[in-house]
């Protein structure tokens, strides 16, 4: 069936409509294999968010997706260009926190006490390091995943190897300059992510960002991300020169998402202004729902530590929240587009609504301009 949504990006990725599920993290809860496969089955591209997952778990999830669909899908990893000097194990970073940042550790302990949470430190000894990232990449290459997305950082470390085996690579950028670096690294398409986006995000909004990135990296295709939650947003992205969209927050509330029910409900009732940017959760700028924990950090007078120290500190805190079921305190990362989401739906229904909504938006635009739609 022909659709106005078909763009050259569809041919590049082997998909029917240029809608991509963002490879979100959150301990693998945001993009489980069932959700990834459902988006691919509906004609888009599902992407596994694998940041922080062990190589063995990444392999398990890749194979789980393949058991559910024969359609193309992707894996998203974080490839930070630089990391703060740190131990290469979680236990080592914890010791560095005790030795070098006792004030931050004391504040973390006060948070546990304030919210009556029992300590529940993360049990694995994994921390994001160059060696760990290389092991994650190795599994992705061994499994011959169709698409690789660098959700953060420099994809140059994988693009050559990916191209050698026919893997398509995407790189996320929050500025025209960063987009040019992604293109120079050899990615097949650039995801231009505006500050409206959830999770790790930059400072430039989508309306100025997308056309600048299109101009900066042409003829490399551009995929728009950030604040897009319905067909009107997709139509706007196409009008700005994008060849497709990268959507995350909208799918957090999908039936197939493993995000806990209270977190989904919190996002459904959230307003765009509730989604705030903070460095408290990971040490990098991250947009999430404002809550008592992010407010406590803002009021503490403490500057969040760089990654991986802040991330390790707060991952232990998040484990305590999970163990107690205190989801109102959890890092509910999402973008400003969540203000457009008002109900839970299946991934298939979300995809159907997006496709039909885009067709309607494009037809309405032509009608308003007095132009025929056929």
Protein backbone atom coordinates (compact mmCIF):
# COMPACT_ATOMS: atom_id res chain seq x y z
CA UNK A 1 0.00 0.00 0.00
CA UNK A 2 1.44 3.37 -1.01
CA UNK A 3 1.69 6.04 1.65
CA UNK A 4 2.96 9.64 1.73
CA UNK A 5 5.18 8.46 4.58
CA UNK A 6 7.48 6.44 2.34
CA UNK A 7 10.82 8.22 1.99
CA UNK A 8 14.28 7.13 0.78
CA UNK A 9 15.09 6.27 4.41
CA UNK A 10 12.67 3.34 4.13
CA UNK A 11 14.75 1.85 1.33
CA UNK A 12 17.97 2.38 3.32
CA UNK A 13 16.59 0.59 6.39
CA UNK A 14 14.37 -1.93 4.63
CA UNK A 15 11.20 -0.70 6.37
CA UNK A 16 7.74 0.39 5.23
CA UNK A 17 7.34 3.71 7.05
CA UNK A 18 10.12 6.00 8.33
CA UNK A 19 9.22 5.68 12.01
CA UNK A 20 11.94 4.44 14.35
CA UNK A 21 11.56 3.40 17.97
CA UNK A 22 14.29 5.19 19.91
CA UNK A 23 16.67 2.80 21.64
CA UNK A 24 15.98 3.96 25.17
CA UNK A 25 17.79 2.69 28.25
CA UNK A 26 16.27 2.56 31.75
CA UNK A 27 17.74 -0.88 32.57
CA UNK A 28 16.22 -2.40 29.45
CA UNK A 29 12.67 -1.72 30.67
CA UNK A 30 11.90 0.93 28.05
CA UNK A 31 12.59 -1.11 24.91
CA UNK A 32 12.17 -4.84 25.64
CA UNK A 33 12.23 -7.32 22.75
CA UNK A 34 8.41 -7.48 22.62
CA UNK A 35 8.14 -3.72 21.98
CA UNK A 36 11.02 -3.68 19.50
CA UNK A 37 9.51 -6.54 17.50
CA UNK A 38 6.03 -4.97 17.60
CA UNK A 39 7.26 -1.71 16.06
CA UNK A 40 9.16 -3.57 13.35
CA UNK A 41 6.13 -5.76 12.64
CA UNK A 42 4.02 -2.61 12.24
CA UNK A 43 6.31 -1.37 9.47
CA UNK A 44 8.76 0.79 11.41
CA UNK A 45 12.16 0.03 12.89
CA UNK A 46 12.33 -1.21 16.47
CA UNK A 47 15.58 -0.49 18.31
CA UNK A 48 16.83 -2.18 21.48
CA UNK A 49 18.23 0.25 24.03
CA UNK A 50 21.21 -1.67 25.42
CA UNK A 51 23.18 0.92 27.39
CA UNK A 52 24.42 -0.62 30.61
CA UNK A 53 23.40 -4.17 29.66
CA UNK A 54 26.00 -6.91 29.75
CA UNK A 55 27.15 -8.42 26.45
CA UNK A 56 25.40 -11.67 27.38
CA UNK A 57 22.11 -9.86 28.03
CA UNK A 58 22.43 -7.93 24.76
CA UNK A 59 22.86 -11.20 22.89
CA UNK A 60 19.83 -12.69 24.65
CA UNK A 61 17.66 -9.71 23.71
CA UNK A 62 18.82 -9.71 20.09
CA UNK A 63 17.92 -13.38 19.79
CA UNK A 64 14.58 -12.75 21.51
CA UNK A 65 13.69 -10.09 18.91
CA UNK A 66 14.63 -12.48 16.11
CA UNK A 67 12.29 -15.07 17.60
CA UNK A 68 9.43 -12.58 17.35
CA UNK A 69 10.02 -10.96 13.94
CA UNK A 70 11.94 -11.39 10.71
CA UNK A 71 11.78 -7.65 10.05
CA UNK A 72 14.80 -5.30 10.43
CA UNK A 73 15.62 -3.95 13.89
CA UNK A 74 18.50 -2.19 15.61
CA UNK A 75 20.66 -1.93 18.72
CA UNK A 76 21.45 1.37 20.45
CA UNK A 77 24.60 1.79 22.56
CA UNK A 78 26.27 4.78 24.20
CA UNK A 79 29.75 5.51 22.85
CA UNK A 80 30.96 8.48 24.92
CA UNK A 81 33.93 10.17 23.30
CA UNK A 82 35.42 10.87 26.72
CA UNK A 83 34.91 9.44 30.19
CA UNK A 84 36.07 10.90 33.47
CA UNK A 85 39.10 9.05 34.90
CA UNK A 86 37.64 6.25 36.98
CA UNK A 87 37.98 2.65 38.01
CA UNK A 88 36.69 0.12 35.49
CA UNK A 89 34.46 -1.72 37.97
CA UNK A 90 31.42 -0.61 39.95
CA UNK A 91 33.08 -1.59 43.23
CA UNK A 92 36.14 0.42 42.26
CA UNK A 93 34.06 3.51 41.47
CA UNK A 94 32.23 3.13 44.80
CA UNK A 95 35.59 3.17 46.59
CA UNK A 96 36.60 6.30 44.68
CA UNK A 97 33.34 7.93 45.73
CA UNK A 98 34.12 7.17 49.38
CA UNK A 99 37.69 8.43 49.08
CA UNK A 100 37.26 11.49 46.86
CA UNK A 101 33.61 12.56 47.14
CA UNK A 102 32.47 11.86 50.71
CA UNK A 103 30.03 14.80 50.62
CA UNK A 104 28.12 13.22 47.73
CA UNK A 105 28.08 9.84 49.45
CA UNK A 106 26.79 11.47 52.65
CA UNK A 107 24.00 13.19 50.68
CA UNK A 108 23.07 9.87 49.04
CA UNK A 109 22.85 8.27 52.49
CA UNK A 110 20.68 11.14 53.74
CA UNK A 111 18.32 10.57 50.81
CA UNK A 112 18.00 6.92 51.78
CA UNK A 113 17.19 7.94 55.34
CA UNK A 114 14.79 10.72 54.33
CA UNK A 115 12.70 8.44 52.15
CA UNK A 116 13.03 5.42 54.44
CA UNK A 117 14.77 3.28 51.85
CA UNK A 118 16.97 0.32 52.68
CA UNK A 119 20.31 0.23 50.83
CA UNK A 120 20.12 -2.11 47.82
CA UNK A 121 23.33 -1.63 45.83
CA UNK A 122 23.45 -2.91 42.25
CA UNK A 123 24.81 -6.44 42.38
CA UNK A 124 26.82 -6.56 39.15
CA UNK A 125 30.31 -5.06 38.93
CA UNK A 126 29.69 -3.41 35.56
CA UNK A 127 30.56 0.20 34.86
CA UNK A 128 30.65 2.00 31.53
CA UNK A 129 34.25 1.89 30.32
CA UNK A 130 35.96 1.71 26.96
CA UNK A 131 36.58 -2.01 27.45
CA UNK A 132 32.98 -2.69 28.40
CA UNK A 133 31.66 -0.74 25.40
CA UNK A 134 33.96 -2.70 23.09
CA UNK A 135 32.54 -5.96 24.43
CA UNK A 136 29.00 -4.66 23.78
CA UNK A 137 29.96 -3.70 20.22
CA UNK A 138 31.53 -7.10 19.62
CA UNK A 139 28.27 -8.91 20.45
CA UNK A 140 26.28 -6.59 18.20
CA UNK A 141 28.63 -7.29 15.30
CA UNK A 142 28.72 -11.03 15.98
CA UNK A 143 24.93 -11.15 15.89
CA UNK A 144 24.86 -9.24 12.56
CA UNK A 145 22.17 -6.83 13.75
CA UNK A 146 20.79 -4.92 10.71
CA UNK A 147 21.09 -1.41 12.26
CA UNK A 148 23.37 0.10 14.90
CA UNK A 149 22.62 3.44 16.58
CA UNK A 150 25.14 5.44 18.59
CA UNK A 151 22.85 7.11 21.11
CA UNK A 152 25.68 9.21 22.49
CA UNK A 153 29.24 9.95 21.46
CA UNK A 154 31.52 9.00 18.59
CA UNK A 155 30.44 6.14 16.27
CA UNK A 156 33.79 6.11 14.42
CA UNK A 157 34.89 3.11 16.49
CA UNK A 158 32.24 0.93 14.82
CA UNK A 159 31.31 2.41 11.43
CA UNK A 160 34.15 0.78 9.50
CA UNK A 161 33.47 -2.66 10.93
CA UNK A 162 29.73 -2.19 10.48
CA UNK A 163 30.00 -1.25 6.82
CA UNK A 164 32.24 -4.27 6.20
CA UNK A 165 29.33 -6.56 7.09
CA UNK A 166 26.51 -4.49 5.62
CA UNK A 167 25.26 -3.02 8.90
CA UNK A 168 23.56 0.40 8.70
CA UNK A 169 24.74 2.92 11.30
CA UNK A 170 22.93 5.91 12.81
CA UNK A 171 24.45 8.66 14.95
CA UNK A 172 22.60 11.04 17.26
CA UNK A 173 23.48 14.74 17.22
CA UNK A 174 22.23 17.74 19.18
CA UNK A 175 23.91 20.45 17.10
CA UNK A 176 24.92 21.02 13.45
CA UNK A 177 28.60 20.72 14.38
CA UNK A 178 28.03 17.41 16.12
CA UNK A 179 26.00 16.22 13.12
CA UNK A 180 28.94 16.98 10.86
CA UNK A 181 31.20 14.93 13.13
CA UNK A 182 28.73 12.04 12.92
CA UNK A 183 28.68 12.26 9.12
CA UNK A 184 32.48 12.43 9.00
CA UNK A 185 32.59 9.29 11.15
CA UNK A 186 30.75 7.49 8.35
CA UNK A 187 27.19 7.03 9.65
CA UNK A 188 24.52 6.27 7.08
CA UNK A 189 22.00 8.67 8.65
CA UNK A 190 22.06 11.34 11.35
CA UNK A 191 19.42 11.59 14.08
CA UNK A 192 18.94 15.29 14.89
CA UNK A 193 17.71 15.32 18.48
CA UNK A 194 16.23 18.52 19.83
CA UNK A 195 16.35 19.54 23.46
CA UNK A 196 12.67 18.59 23.82
CA UNK A 197 13.75 14.95 23.86
CA UNK A 198 13.84 12.75 26.92
CA UNK A 199 16.96 11.18 28.35
CA UNK A 200 20.37 12.61 27.48
CA UNK A 201 19.74 15.71 25.42
CA UNK A 202 21.33 18.94 24.18
CA UNK A 203 20.33 22.59 24.13
CA UNK A 204 18.93 23.36 20.65
CA UNK A 205 15.21 22.98 19.93
CA UNK A 206 13.98 20.98 16.97
CA UNK A 207 12.64 23.77 14.75
CA UNK A 208 16.03 25.48 14.38
CA UNK A 209 18.02 22.24 14.70
CA UNK A 210 16.55 20.01 12.00
CA UNK A 211 16.95 22.32 8.98
CA UNK A 212 20.45 23.28 10.09
CA UNK A 213 21.45 19.63 10.35
CA UNK A 214 19.84 18.88 6.97
CA UNK A 215 21.94 21.65 5.42
CA UNK A 216 25.08 20.60 7.31
CA UNK A 217 25.18 16.93 6.33
CA UNK A 218 23.38 16.74 2.97
CA UNK A 219 23.10 14.28 1.19
CA UNK A 220 23.22 12.13 4.36
CA UNK A 221 19.61 11.46 5.44
CA UNK A 222 18.40 13.16 8.62
CA UNK A 223 16.00 11.65 11.16
CA UNK A 224 14.17 14.03 13.51
CA UNK A 225 13.92 13.35 17.25
CA UNK A 226 12.57 15.16 20.28
CA UNK A 227 9.04 16.19 21.21
CA UNK A 228 7.35 14.26 18.37
CA UNK A 229 4.36 12.29 19.63
CA UNK A 230 1.74 12.39 16.87
CA UNK A 231 1.24 12.67 13.13
CA UNK A 232 1.36 16.47 13.21
CA UNK A 233 4.87 16.28 14.62
CA UNK A 234 5.93 13.82 11.93
CA UNK A 235 4.48 16.06 9.21
CA UNK A 236 6.38 19.03 10.66
CA UNK A 237 9.62 17.04 10.74
CA UNK A 238 9.19 16.07 7.08
CA UNK A 239 8.49 19.71 6.20
CA UNK A 240 11.75 20.72 7.90
CA UNK A 241 13.67 18.34 5.66
CA UNK A 242 13.89 15.17 7.76
CA UNK A 243 13.49 11.79 6.06
CA UNK A 244 12.05 10.10 9.12
CA UNK A 245 11.48 10.31 12.87
CA UNK A 246 13.01 8.74 15.99
CA UNK A 247 10.34 8.43 18.70
CA UNK A 248 10.87 7.41 22.29
CA UNK A 249 8.64 8.96 24.94
CA UNK A 250 5.42 8.02 23.13
CA UNK A 251 6.31 4.32 23.32
CA UNK A 252 7.18 4.34 27.03
CA UNK A 253 3.48 3.98 27.79
CA UNK A 254 2.92 1.22 25.22
CA UNK A 255 1.42 -2.04 26.44
CA UNK A 256 4.63 -3.84 25.43
CA UNK A 257 6.93 -1.51 27.37
CA UNK A 258 8.28 -3.02 30.58
CA UNK A 259 8.20 0.32 32.38
CA UNK A 260 6.28 -0.23 35.65
CA UNK A 261 2.60 0.68 35.55
CA UNK A 262 2.91 3.56 38.04
CA UNK A 263 5.63 5.11 35.85
CA UNK A 264 3.42 4.81 32.78
CA UNK A 265 0.50 6.39 34.63
CA UNK A 266 2.73 9.22 35.84
CA UNK A 267 3.78 9.97 32.26
CA UNK A 268 0.23 9.84 30.94
CA UNK A 269 -0.82 12.52 33.45
CA UNK A 270 2.37 14.58 33.04
CA UNK A 271 2.47 17.96 31.35
CA UNK A 272 5.28 19.04 29.05
CA UNK A 273 6.53 21.49 31.69
CA UNK A 274 6.90 18.63 34.18
CA UNK A 275 9.79 17.20 32.16
CA UNK A 276 12.96 18.89 33.38
CA UNK A 277 16.67 18.66 32.53
CA UNK A 278 19.06 17.69 35.31
CA UNK A 279 22.51 16.18 35.72
CA UNK A 280 21.50 14.54 39.01
CA UNK A 281 20.74 11.10 37.61
CA UNK A 282 23.80 10.30 35.48
CA UNK A 283 26.16 13.27 35.54
CA UNK A 284 25.07 14.24 32.01
CA UNK A 285 22.16 16.47 31.06
CA UNK A 286 19.07 14.26 31.09
CA UNK A 287 15.40 15.17 30.75
CA UNK A 288 13.10 13.35 33.15
CA UNK A 289 9.98 14.01 35.16
CA UNK A 290 10.68 16.43 37.94
CA UNK A 291 10.32 14.72 41.33
CA UNK A 292 11.44 14.94 44.95
CA UNK A 293 14.85 13.42 44.18
CA UNK A 294 15.80 15.79 41.37
CA UNK A 295 14.53 18.69 43.48
CA UNK A 296 16.63 17.52 46.45
CA UNK A 297 19.78 17.50 44.34
CA UNK A 298 18.98 20.98 42.98
CA UNK A 299 18.57 22.29 46.53
CA UNK A 300 21.63 20.48 47.94
CA UNK A 301 24.24 22.89 46.65
CA UNK A 302 26.24 19.89 45.41
CA UNK A 303 27.37 19.83 41.80
CA UNK A 304 26.56 16.42 40.30
CA UNK A 305 29.68 14.40 39.55
CA UNK A 306 30.76 13.44 36.02
CA UNK A 307 29.91 10.06 34.56
CA UNK A 308 30.54 7.34 35.73
CA UNK A 309 30.69 8.48 39.37
CA UNK A 310 27.27 10.17 39.52
CA UNK A 311 25.74 7.33 37.53
CA UNK A 312 27.07 4.63 39.86
CA UNK A 313 25.97 6.59 42.93
CA UNK A 314 22.43 7.08 41.63
CA UNK A 315 22.05 3.61 40.14
CA UNK A 316 22.49 2.26 43.66
CA UNK A 317 19.81 4.71 44.81
CA UNK A 318 17.48 3.68 41.99
CA UNK A 319 17.93 0.03 42.99
CA UNK A 320 16.74 0.96 46.48
CA UNK A 321 13.71 2.69 44.96
CA UNK A 322 12.91 -0.37 42.83
CA UNK A 323 13.29 -2.75 45.77
CA UNK A 324 10.83 -0.67 47.81
CA UNK A 325 8.40 -0.12 44.91
CA UNK A 326 8.65 3.64 45.42
CA UNK A 327 8.11 4.45 41.76
CA UNK A 328 7.11 8.07 42.49
CA UNK A 329 10.81 8.64 43.26
CA UNK A 330 12.11 6.85 40.17
CA UNK A 331 14.01 8.48 37.29
CA UNK A 332 11.08 8.69 34.86
CA UNK A 333 12.99 9.88 31.80
CA UNK A 334 10.85 11.23 28.95
CA UNK A 335 10.59 14.23 26.66
CA UNK A 336 8.25 17.19 26.44
CA UNK A 337 6.18 15.38 23.82
CA UNK A 338 4.74 13.27 26.63
CA UNK A 339 2.23 16.09 27.13
CA UNK A 340 0.45 14.79 24.02
CA UNK A 341 0.07 11.26 25.40
CA UNK A 342 -3.18 10.63 27.27
CA UNK A 343 -3.76 6.85 27.19
CA UNK A 344 -2.07 3.48 27.07
CA UNK A 345 -2.10 1.76 23.69
CA UNK A 346 -0.49 -1.21 22.02
CA UNK A 347 2.56 -0.53 19.85
CA UNK A 348 0.52 -1.54 16.79
CA UNK A 349 -2.18 1.01 17.66
CA UNK A 350 0.42 3.71 18.27
CA UNK A 351 1.95 3.02 14.87
CA UNK A 352 -1.46 3.02 13.18
CA UNK A 353 -2.37 6.33 14.82
CA UNK A 354 0.97 7.86 13.79
CA UNK A 355 0.61 6.80 10.15
CA UNK A 356 -3.02 7.89 9.88
CA UNK A 357 -2.32 11.08 11.80
CA UNK A 358 0.52 12.02 9.46
CA UNK A 359 -1.61 11.36 6.38
CA UNK A 360 -4.35 13.54 7.88
CA UNK A 361 -1.90 16.32 8.81
CA UNK A 362 -0.40 16.39 5.32
CA UNK A 363 -3.85 16.40 3.68
CA UNK A 364 -5.07 19.14 6.03
CA UNK A 365 -2.02 21.23 5.21
CA UNK A 366 -2.68 20.92 1.48
CA UNK A 367 -6.35 21.79 1.97
CA UNK A 368 -5.47 24.86 4.00
CA UNK A 369 -3.16 25.95 1.22
CA UNK A 370 -5.83 25.30 -1.40
CA UNK A 371 -3.82 22.52 -3.05
CA UNK A 372 -5.20 19.19 -4.28
CA UNK A 373 -4.23 16.14 -2.21
CA UNK A 374 -4.08 13.68 -5.10
